[in-house]
Amino acid sequence: MKLWQDLFGTDYGLMSIAGIAFMIFMAVWYVRFFIRKVNEKPRKD
């Protein structure tokens, strides 16, 4: 129970949650970005 109190009740716990959420968001964004770029047709310049 102390784990959950520290995680959600302290400033360093909330910052950890924010950091983890940001890293997960960026991982999803990069995967979608690279998949879209790989499937893109090459441009004829």
Protein backbone atom coordinates (compact mmCIF):
# COMPACT_ATOMS: atom_id res chain seq x y z
CA MET A 1 0.00 0.00 0.00
CA LYS A 2 2.89 2.39 0.65
CA LEU A 3 3.85 1.98 -3.01
CA TRP A 4 0.52 3.35 -4.23
CA GLN A 5 0.59 6.17 -1.68
CA ASP A 6 4.07 7.18 -2.83
CA LEU A 7 3.18 6.83 -6.50
CA PHE A 8 0.00 8.93 -6.44
CA GLY A 9 0.56 11.05 -3.36
CA THR A 10 4.01 12.54 -3.80
CA ASP A 11 5.49 14.92 -6.31
CA TYR A 12 8.18 12.45 -7.41
CA GLY A 13 5.56 9.72 -7.85
CA LEU A 14 3.39 11.92 -10.03
CA MET A 15 6.44 12.99 -12.03
CA SER A 16 7.29 9.32 -12.57
CA ILE A 17 3.78 8.65 -13.86
CA ALA A 18 4.05 11.66 -16.18
CA GLY A 19 7.43 10.48 -17.48
CA ILE A 20 6.22 6.94 -18.11
CA ALA A 21 3.07 8.21 -19.86
CA PHE A 22 5.17 10.54 -22.04
CA MET A 23 7.54 7.73 -23.03
CA ILE A 24 4.62 5.42 -23.94
CA PHE A 25 2.99 8.21 -25.98
CA MET A 26 6.23 8.91 -27.84
CA ALA A 27 6.80 5.20 -28.52
CA VAL A 28 3.33 4.88 -30.06
CA TRP A 29 3.82 8.07 -32.07
CA TYR A 30 7.20 6.95 -33.48
CA VAL A 31 5.90 3.49 -34.41
CA ARG A 32 2.95 5.00 -36.29
CA PHE A 33 5.21 7.62 -37.93
CA PHE A 34 7.77 5.09 -39.17
CA ILE A 35 5.13 2.62 -40.39
CA ARG A 36 3.48 5.43 -42.35
CA LYS A 37 6.82 6.49 -43.86
CA VAL A 38 7.76 2.91 -44.80
CA ASN A 39 4.44 2.43 -46.61
CA GLU A 40 4.67 5.76 -48.44
CA LYS A 41 5.30 5.73 -52.18
CA PRO A 42 8.68 7.17 -53.23
CA ARG A 43 8.60 10.68 -54.67
CA LYS A 44 9.90 11.27 -58.17
CA ASP A 45 12.06 14.40 -57.97
